[in-house]
PDB file of all heavy atoms in Angstrom:
ATOM      1  N   SER A   1      39.549 -51.222 174.994  1.00  0.00           N
ATOM      2  CA  SER A   1      39.801 -49.795 175.147  1.00  0.00           C
ATOM      3  C   SER A   1      39.414 -49.031 173.886  1.00  0.00           C
ATOM      4  O   SER A   1      38.864 -47.918 173.959  1.00  0.00           O
ATOM      5  CB  SER A   1      41.281 -49.566 175.472  1.00  0.00           C
ATOM      6  OG  SER A   1      41.581 -48.193 175.538  1.00  0.00           O
ATOM      7  N   ALA A   2      39.687 -49.598 172.719  1.00  0.00           N
ATOM      8  CA  ALA A   2      39.327 -48.933 171.461  1.00  0.00           C
ATOM      9  C   ALA A   2      37.817 -48.792 171.320  1.00  0.00           C
ATOM     10  O   ALA A   2      37.310 -47.750 170.876  1.00  0.00           O
ATOM     11  CB  ALA A   2      39.904 -49.714 170.281  1.00  0.00           C
ATOM     12  N   GLU A   3      37.075 -49.817 171.698  1.00  0.00           N
ATOM     13  CA  GLU A   3      35.617 -49.744 171.591  1.00  0.00           C
ATOM     14  C   GLU A   3      35.037 -48.684 172.517  1.00  0.00           C
ATOM     15  O   GLU A   3      34.051 -48.021 172.173  1.00  0.00           O
ATOM     16  CB  GLU A   3      35.010 -51.118 171.896  1.00  0.00           C
ATOM     17  CG  GLU A   3      35.292 -52.157 170.811  1.00  0.00           C
ATOM     18  CD  GLU A   3      34.753 -53.522 171.180  1.00  0.00           C
ATOM     19  OE1 GLU A   3      34.428 -53.723 172.373  1.00  0.00           O
ATOM     20  OE2 GLU A   3      34.655 -54.391 170.293  1.00  0.00           O
ATOM     21  N   VAL A   4      35.653 -48.502 173.678  1.00  0.00           N
ATOM     22  CA  VAL A   4      35.193 -47.439 174.584  1.00  0.00           C
ATOM     23  C   VAL A   4      35.445 -46.070 173.962  1.00  0.00           C
ATOM     24  O   VAL A   4      34.581 -45.175 173.991  1.00  0.00           O
ATOM     25  CB  VAL A   4      35.894 -47.570 175.949  1.00  0.00           C
ATOM     26  CG1 VAL A   4      35.575 -46.367 176.833  1.00  0.00           C
ATOM     27  CG2 VAL A   4      35.466 -48.855 176.649  1.00  0.00           C
ATOM     28  N   LEU A   5      36.621 -45.877 173.373  1.00  0.00           N
ATOM     29  CA  LEU A   5      36.945 -44.589 172.764  1.00  0.00           C
ATOM     30  C   LEU A   5      36.125 -44.330 171.512  1.00  0.00           C
ATOM     31  O   LEU A   5      35.801 -43.173 171.203  1.00  0.00           O
ATOM     32  CB  LEU A   5      38.436 -44.540 172.429  1.00  0.00           C
ATOM     33  CG  LEU A   5      39.393 -44.555 173.628  1.00  0.00           C
ATOM     34  CD1 LEU A   5      40.836 -44.671 173.152  1.00  0.00           C
ATOM     35  CD2 LEU A   5      39.224 -43.301 174.471  1.00  0.00           C
ATOM     36  N   LEU A   6      35.757 -45.368 170.784  1.00  0.00           N
ATOM     37  CA  LEU A   6      34.991 -45.188 169.557  1.00  0.00           C
ATOM     38  C   LEU A   6      33.548 -44.789 169.823  1.00  0.00           C
ATOM     39  O   LEU A   6      32.824 -44.448 168.878  1.00  0.00           O
ATOM     40  CB  LEU A   6      35.023 -46.475 168.731  1.00  0.00           C
ATOM     41  CG  LEU A   6      36.347 -46.742 168.011  1.00  0.00           C
ATOM     42  CD1 LEU A   6      36.368 -48.141 167.418  1.00  0.00           C
ATOM     43  CD2 LEU A   6      36.592 -45.701 166.931  1.00  0.00           C
ATOM     44  N   ARG A   7      33.109 -44.829 171.071  1.00  0.00           N
ATOM     45  CA  ARG A   7      31.782 -44.308 171.393  1.00  0.00           C
ATOM     46  C   ARG A   7      31.734 -42.794 171.318  1.00  0.00           C
ATOM     47  O   ARG A   7      30.649 -42.211 171.243  1.00  0.00           O
ATOM     48  CB  ARG A   7      31.371 -44.758 172.796  1.00  0.00           C
ATOM     49  CG  ARG A   7      31.265 -46.267 172.973  1.00  0.00           C
ATOM     50  CD  ARG A   7      31.038 -46.612 174.427  1.00  0.00           C
ATOM     51  NE  ARG A   7      31.103 -48.055 174.656  1.00  0.00           N
ATOM     52  CZ  ARG A   7      31.128 -48.619 175.860  1.00  0.00           C
ATOM     53  NH1 ARG A   7      31.077 -47.849 176.946  1.00  0.00           N
ATOM     54  NH2 ARG A   7      31.199 -49.921 175.991  1.00  0.00           N
ATOM     55  N   GLU A   8      32.894 -42.154 171.338  1.00  0.00           N
ATOM     56  CA  GLU A   8      32.945 -40.695 171.356  1.00  0.00           C
ATOM     57  C   GLU A   8      33.643 -40.106 170.142  1.00  0.00           C
ATOM     58  O   GLU A   8      33.758 -38.889 170.038  1.00  0.00           O
ATOM     59  CB  GLU A   8      33.668 -40.216 172.623  1.00  0.00           C
ATOM     60  CG  GLU A   8      33.034 -40.705 173.911  1.00  0.00           C
ATOM     61  CD  GLU A   8      33.842 -40.300 175.122  1.00  0.00           C
ATOM     62  OE1 GLU A   8      34.950 -39.746 174.940  1.00  0.00           O
ATOM     63  OE2 GLU A   8      33.367 -40.530 176.242  1.00  0.00           O
ATOM     64  N   ARG A   9      34.148 -40.935 169.235  1.00  0.00           N
ATOM     65  CA  ARG A   9      34.870 -40.414 168.078  1.00  0.00           C
ATOM     66  C   ARG A   9      34.746 -41.392 166.926  1.00  0.00           C
ATOM     67  O   ARG A   9      34.351 -42.558 167.111  1.00  0.00           O
ATOM     68  CB  ARG A   9      36.335 -40.180 168.425  1.00  0.00           C
ATOM     69  CG  ARG A   9      37.127 -41.441 168.737  1.00  0.00           C
ATOM     70  CD  ARG A   9      38.451 -41.102 169.377  1.00  0.00           C
ATOM     71  NE  ARG A   9      38.260 -40.711 170.765  1.00  0.00           N
ATOM     72  CZ  ARG A   9      39.175 -40.083 171.492  1.00  0.00           C
ATOM     73  NH1 ARG A   9      40.321 -39.745 170.944  1.00  0.00           N
ATOM     74  NH2 ARG A   9      38.940 -39.775 172.751  1.00  0.00           N
ATOM     75  N   SER A  10      35.078 -40.928 165.742  1.00  0.00           N
ATOM     76  CA  SER A  10      35.027 -41.778 164.561  1.00  0.00           C
ATOM     77  C   SER A  10      36.262 -42.674 164.504  1.00  0.00           C
ATOM     78  O   SER A  10      37.233 -42.484 165.246  1.00  0.00           O
ATOM     79  CB  SER A  10      34.946 -40.918 163.297  1.00  0.00           C
ATOM     80  OG  SER A  10      36.126 -40.132 163.176  1.00  0.00           O
ATOM     81  N   LEU A  11      36.215 -43.640 163.603  1.00  0.00           N
ATOM     82  CA  LEU A  11      37.355 -44.544 163.451  1.00  0.00           C
ATOM     83  C   LEU A  11      38.580 -43.778 162.956  1.00  0.00           C
ATOM     84  O   LEU A  11      39.715 -44.049 163.378  1.00  0.00           O
ATOM     85  CB  LEU A  11      36.988 -45.671 162.485  1.00  0.00           C
ATOM     86  CG  LEU A  11      38.060 -46.746 162.258  1.00  0.00           C
ATOM     87  CD1 LEU A  11      38.377 -47.463 163.562  1.00  0.00           C
ATOM     88  CD2 LEU A  11      37.600 -47.740 161.193  1.00  0.00           C
ATOM     89  N   THR A  12      38.371 -42.801 162.059  1.00  0.00           N
ATOM     90  CA  THR A  12      39.495 -41.992 161.580  1.00  0.00           C
ATOM     91  C   THR A  12      40.147 -41.231 162.724  1.00  0.00           C
ATOM     92  O   THR A  12      41.377 -41.173 162.835  1.00  0.00           O
ATOM     93  CB  THR A  12      39.010 -41.006 160.510  1.00  0.00           C
ATOM     94  OG1 THR A  12      38.319 -41.728 159.494  1.00  0.00           O
ATOM     95  CG2 THR A  12      40.164 -40.253 159.902  1.00  0.00           C
ATOM     96  N   SER A  13      39.313 -40.629 163.593  1.00  0.00           N
ATOM     97  CA  SER A  13      39.860 -39.887 164.734  1.00  0.00           C
ATOM     98  C   SER A  13      40.606 -40.815 165.682  1.00  0.00           C
ATOM     99  O   SER A  13      41.656 -40.440 166.229  1.00  0.00           O
ATOM    100  CB  SER A  13      38.733 -39.165 165.477  1.00  0.00           C
ATOM    101  OG  SER A  13      38.093 -38.234 164.641  1.00  0.00           O
ATOM    102  N   TYR A  14      40.085 -42.018 165.877  1.00  0.00           N
ATOM    103  CA  TYR A  14      40.782 -42.959 166.762  1.00  0.00           C
ATOM    104  C   TYR A  14      42.149 -43.331 166.188  1.00  0.00           C
ATOM    105  O   TYR A  14      43.150 -43.347 166.921  1.00  0.00           O
ATOM    106  CB  TYR A  14      39.938 -44.209 166.967  1.00  0.00           C
ATOM    107  CG  TYR A  14      40.679 -45.297 167.718  1.00  0.00           C
ATOM    108  CD1 TYR A  14      40.871 -45.209 169.094  1.00  0.00           C
ATOM    109  CD2 TYR A  14      41.216 -46.389 167.043  1.00  0.00           C
ATOM    110  CE1 TYR A  14      41.573 -46.187 169.779  1.00  0.00           C
ATOM    111  CE2 TYR A  14      41.913 -47.370 167.718  1.00  0.00           C
ATOM    112  CZ  TYR A  14      42.091 -47.265 169.095  1.00  0.00           C
ATOM    113  OH  TYR A  14      42.802 -48.227 169.761  1.00  0.00           O
ATOM    114  N   TYR A  15      42.207 -43.616 164.904  1.00  0.00           N
ATOM    115  CA  TYR A  15      43.495 -43.959 164.306  1.00  0.00           C
ATOM    116  C   TYR A  15      44.474 -42.781 164.377  1.00  0.00           C
ATOM    117  O   TYR A  15      45.663 -42.955 164.677  1.00  0.00           O
ATOM    118  CB  TYR A  15      43.290 -44.383 162.851  1.00  0.00           C
ATOM    119  CG  TYR A  15      42.836 -45.818 162.683  1.00  0.00           C
ATOM    120  CD1 TYR A  15      42.157 -46.229 161.538  1.00  0.00           C
ATOM    121  CD2 TYR A  15      43.091 -46.771 163.657  1.00  0.00           C
ATOM    122  CE1 TYR A  15      41.741 -47.541 161.375  1.00  0.00           C
ATOM    123  CE2 TYR A  15      42.678 -48.081 163.512  1.00  0.00           C
ATOM    124  CZ  TYR A  15      42.002 -48.461 162.358  1.00  0.00           C
ATOM    125  OH  TYR A  15      41.605 -49.766 162.221  1.00  0.00           O
ATOM    126  N   ASP A  16      43.981 -41.562 164.077  1.00  0.00           N
ATOM    127  CA  ASP A  16      44.866 -40.395 164.088  1.00  0.00           C
ATOM    128  C   ASP A  16      45.319 -40.024 165.493  1.00  0.00           C
ATOM    129  O   ASP A  16      46.495 -39.718 165.723  1.00  0.00           O
ATOM    130  CB  ASP A  16      44.153 -39.193 163.453  1.00  0.00           C
ATOM    131  CG  ASP A  16      44.250 -39.202 161.938  1.00  0.00           C
ATOM    132  OD1 ASP A  16      45.236 -39.760 161.425  1.00  0.00           O
ATOM    133  OD2 ASP A  16      43.347 -38.670 161.275  1.00  0.00           O
ATOM    134  N   GLU A  17      44.392 -40.012 166.459  1.00  0.00           N
ATOM    135  CA  GLU A  17      44.682 -39.482 167.782  1.00  0.00           C
ATOM    136  C   GLU A  17      45.242 -40.517 168.750  1.00  0.00           C
ATOM    137  O   GLU A  17      45.900 -40.148 169.724  1.00  0.00           O
ATOM    138  CB  GLU A  17      43.407 -38.878 168.389  1.00  0.00           C
ATOM    139  CG  GLU A  17      42.827 -37.740 167.565  1.00  0.00           C
ATOM    140  CD  GLU A  17      41.434 -37.363 168.011  1.00  0.00           C
ATOM    141  OE1 GLU A  17      40.984 -37.891 169.051  1.00  0.00           O
ATOM    142  OE2 GLU A  17      40.787 -36.535 167.333  1.00  0.00           O
ATOM    143  N   VAL A  18      44.968 -41.788 168.500  1.00  0.00           N
ATOM    144  CA  VAL A  18      45.373 -42.822 169.456  1.00  0.00           C
ATOM    145  C   VAL A  18      46.319 -43.832 168.822  1.00  0.00           C
ATOM    146  O   VAL A  18      47.459 -44.008 169.271  1.00  0.00           O
ATOM    147  CB  VAL A  18      44.130 -43.536 170.040  1.00  0.00           C
ATOM    148  CG1 VAL A  18      44.559 -44.612 171.043  1.00  0.00           C
ATOM    149  CG2 VAL A  18      43.196 -42.538 170.703  1.00  0.00           C
ATOM    150  N   ALA A  19      45.858 -44.507 167.777  1.00  0.00           N
ATOM    151  CA  ALA A  19      46.629 -45.627 167.229  1.00  0.00           C
ATOM    152  C   ALA A  19      47.962 -45.158 166.645  1.00  0.00           C
ATOM    153  O   ALA A  19      49.016 -45.748 166.918  1.00  0.00           O
ATOM    154  CB  ALA A  19      45.802 -46.361 166.173  1.00  0.00           C
ATOM    155  N   LEU A  20      47.941 -44.093 165.825  1.00  0.00           N
ATOM    156  CA  LEU A  20      49.195 -43.624 165.235  1.00  0.00           C
ATOM    157  C   LEU A  20      50.159 -43.099 166.294  1.00  0.00           C
ATOM    158  O   LEU A  20      51.374 -43.311 166.196  1.00  0.00           O
ATOM    159  CB  LEU A  20      48.910 -42.531 164.204  1.00  0.00           C
ATOM    160  CG  LEU A  20      48.434 -42.992 162.829  1.00  0.00           C
ATOM    161  CD1 LEU A  20      48.267 -41.802 161.897  1.00  0.00           C
ATOM    162  CD2 LEU A  20      49.395 -44.005 162.225  1.00  0.00           C
ATOM    163  N   LYS A  21      49.623 -42.420 167.305  1.00  0.00           N
ATOM    164  CA  LYS A  21      50.501 -41.919 168.371  1.00  0.00           C
ATOM    165  C   LYS A  21      51.097 -43.068 169.181  1.00  0.00           C
ATOM    166  O   LYS A  21      52.250 -43.012 169.620  1.00  0.00           O
ATOM    167  CB  LYS A  21      49.728 -40.963 169.272  1.00  0.00           C
ATOM    168  CG  LYS A  21      49.303 -39.688 168.563  1.00  0.00           C
ATOM    169  CD  LYS A  21      48.649 -38.713 169.514  1.00  0.00           C
ATOM    170  CE  LYS A  21      48.174 -37.474 168.777  1.00  0.00           C
ATOM    171  NZ  LYS A  21      49.263 -36.752 168.111  1.00  0.00           N
ATOM    172  N   GLY A  22      50.301 -44.135 169.393  1.00  0.00           N
ATOM    173  CA  GLY A  22      50.859 -45.312 170.058  1.00  0.00           C
ATOM    174  C   GLY A  22      51.938 -45.972 169.228  1.00  0.00           C
ATOM    175  O   GLY A  22      52.969 -46.415 169.761  1.00  0.00           O
ATOM    176  N   LEU A  23      51.732 -46.030 167.909  1.00  0.00           N
ATOM    177  CA  LEU A  23      52.763 -46.583 167.029  1.00  0.00           C
ATOM    178  C   LEU A  23      54.013 -45.706 167.019  1.00  0.00           C
ATOM    179  O   LEU A  23      55.135 -46.211 166.913  1.00  0.00           O
ATOM    180  CB  LEU A  23      52.205 -46.725 165.613  1.00  0.00           C
ATOM    181  CG  LEU A  23      51.240 -47.891 165.369  1.00  0.00           C
ATOM    182  CD1 LEU A  23      50.726 -47.854 163.949  1.00  0.00           C
ATOM    183  CD2 LEU A  23      51.915 -49.233 165.648  1.00  0.00           C
ATOM    184  N   GLN A  24      53.823 -44.390 167.117  1.00  0.00           N
ATOM    185  CA  GLN A  24      54.987 -43.503 167.177  1.00  0.00           C
ATOM    186  C   GLN A  24      55.815 -43.743 168.429  1.00  0.00           C
ATOM    187  O   GLN A  24      57.051 -43.715 168.382  1.00  0.00           O
ATOM    188  CB  GLN A  24      54.522 -42.045 167.125  1.00  0.00           C
ATOM    189  CG  GLN A  24      54.031 -41.609 165.758  1.00  0.00           C
ATOM    190  CD  GLN A  24      53.423 -40.218 165.783  1.00  0.00           C
ATOM    191  OE1 GLN A  24      53.552 -39.501 166.756  1.00  0.00           O
ATOM    192  NE2 GLN A  24      52.739 -39.860 164.702  1.00  0.00           N
ATOM    193  N   LEU A  25      55.155 -43.993 169.550  1.00  0.00           N
ATOM    194  CA  LEU A  25      55.893 -44.323 170.776  1.00  0.00           C
ATOM    195  C   LEU A  25      56.712 -45.597 170.578  1.00  0.00           C
ATOM    196  O   LEU A  25      57.876 -45.676 170.981  1.00  0.00           O
ATOM    197  CB  LEU A  25      54.923 -44.484 171.942  1.00  0.00           C
ATOM    198  CG  LEU A  25      54.168 -43.235 172.395  1.00  0.00           C
ATOM    199  CD1 LEU A  25      53.146 -43.594 173.473  1.00  0.00           C
ATOM    200  CD2 LEU A  25      55.134 -42.188 172.926  1.00  0.00           C
ATOM    201  N   ALA A  26      56.074 -46.592 169.955  1.00  0.00           N
ATOM    202  CA  ALA A  26      56.793 -47.846 169.702  1.00  0.00           C
ATOM    203  C   ALA A  26      57.938 -47.630 168.716  1.00  0.00           C
ATOM    204  O   ALA A  26      59.038 -48.182 168.888  1.00  0.00           O
ATOM    205  CB  ALA A  26      55.820 -48.899 169.178  1.00  0.00           C
ATOM    206  N   ALA A  27      57.708 -46.819 167.656  1.00  0.00           N
ATOM    207  CA  ALA A  27      58.758 -46.581 166.672  1.00  0.00           C
ATOM    208  C   ALA A  27      59.937 -45.818 167.280  1.00  0.00           C
ATOM    209  O   ALA A  27      61.103 -46.100 166.965  1.00  0.00           O
ATOM    210  CB  ALA A  27      58.184 -45.803 165.485  1.00  0.00           C
ATOM    211  N   ASN A  28      59.642 -44.872 168.176  1.00  0.00           N
ATOM    212  CA  ASN A  28      60.727 -44.143 168.842  1.00  0.00           C
ATOM    213  C   ASN A  28      61.573 -45.068 169.710  1.00  0.00           C
ATOM    214  O   ASN A  28      62.810 -44.988 169.714  1.00  0.00           O
ATOM    215  CB  ASN A  28      60.145 -43.014 169.689  1.00  0.00           C
ATOM    216  CG  ASN A  28      59.500 -41.934 168.843  1.00  0.00           C
ATOM    217  OD1 ASN A  28      59.822 -41.786 167.670  1.00  0.00           O
ATOM    218  ND2 ASN A  28      58.571 -41.195 169.427  1.00  0.00           N
ATOM    219  N   ASP A  29      60.892 -45.958 170.455  1.00  0.00           N
ATOM    220  CA  ASP A  29      61.648 -46.906 171.280  1.00  0.00           C
ATOM    221  C   ASP A  29      62.434 -47.887 170.423  1.00  0.00           C
ATOM    222  O   ASP A  29      63.560 -48.275 170.779  1.00  0.00           O
ATOM    223  CB  ASP A  29      60.690 -47.661 172.213  1.00  0.00           C
ATOM    224  CG  ASP A  29      60.191 -46.796 173.348  1.00  0.00           C
ATOM    225  OD1 ASP A  29      60.749 -45.706 173.544  1.00  0.00           O
ATOM    226  OD2 ASP A  29      59.228 -47.193 174.038  1.00  0.00           O
ATOM    227  N   ALA A  30      61.853 -48.285 169.305  1.00  0.00           N
ATOM    228  CA  ALA A  30      62.590 -49.194 168.416  1.00  0.00           C
ATOM    229  C   ALA A  30      63.800 -48.492 167.817  1.00  0.00           C
ATOM    230  O   ALA A  30      64.875 -49.093 167.661  1.00  0.00           O
ATOM    231  CB  ALA A  30      61.660 -49.695 167.310  1.00  0.00           C
ATOM    232  N   GLY A  31      63.666 -47.211 167.479  1.00  0.00           N
ATOM    233  CA  GLY A  31      64.797 -46.472 166.946  1.00  0.00           C
ATOM    234  C   GLY A  31      65.910 -46.279 167.953  1.00  0.00           C
ATOM    235  O   GLY A  31      67.094 -46.218 167.576  1.00  0.00           O
ATOM    236  N   ARG A  32      65.558 -46.174 169.235  1.00  0.00           N
ATOM    237  CA  ARG A  32      66.574 -46.033 170.282  1.00  0.00           C
ATOM    238  C   ARG A  32      67.163 -47.367 170.702  1.00  0.00           C
ATOM    239  O   ARG A  32      68.042 -47.416 171.558  1.00  0.00           O
ATOM    240  CB  ARG A  32      65.976 -45.346 171.504  1.00  0.00           C
ATOM    241  CG  ARG A  32      65.559 -43.909 171.246  1.00  0.00           C
ATOM    242  CD  ARG A  32      65.106 -43.201 172.515  1.00  0.00           C
ATOM    243  NE  ARG A  32      63.920 -43.805 173.107  1.00  0.00           N
ATOM    244  CZ  ARG A  32      63.894 -44.393 174.293  1.00  0.00           C
ATOM    245  NH1 ARG A  32      65.002 -44.501 175.002  1.00  0.00           N
ATOM    246  NH2 ARG A  32      62.767 -44.894 174.767  1.00  0.00           N
TER     247      ARG A  32
END
């Protein structure tokens, strides 16, 4: 999935827009 998204954006954009937001979802669930 990451390789598909990286065809349209830079690695920085992928980390900011996808990876960090996915980690935030996990961190919120871990906090709850």
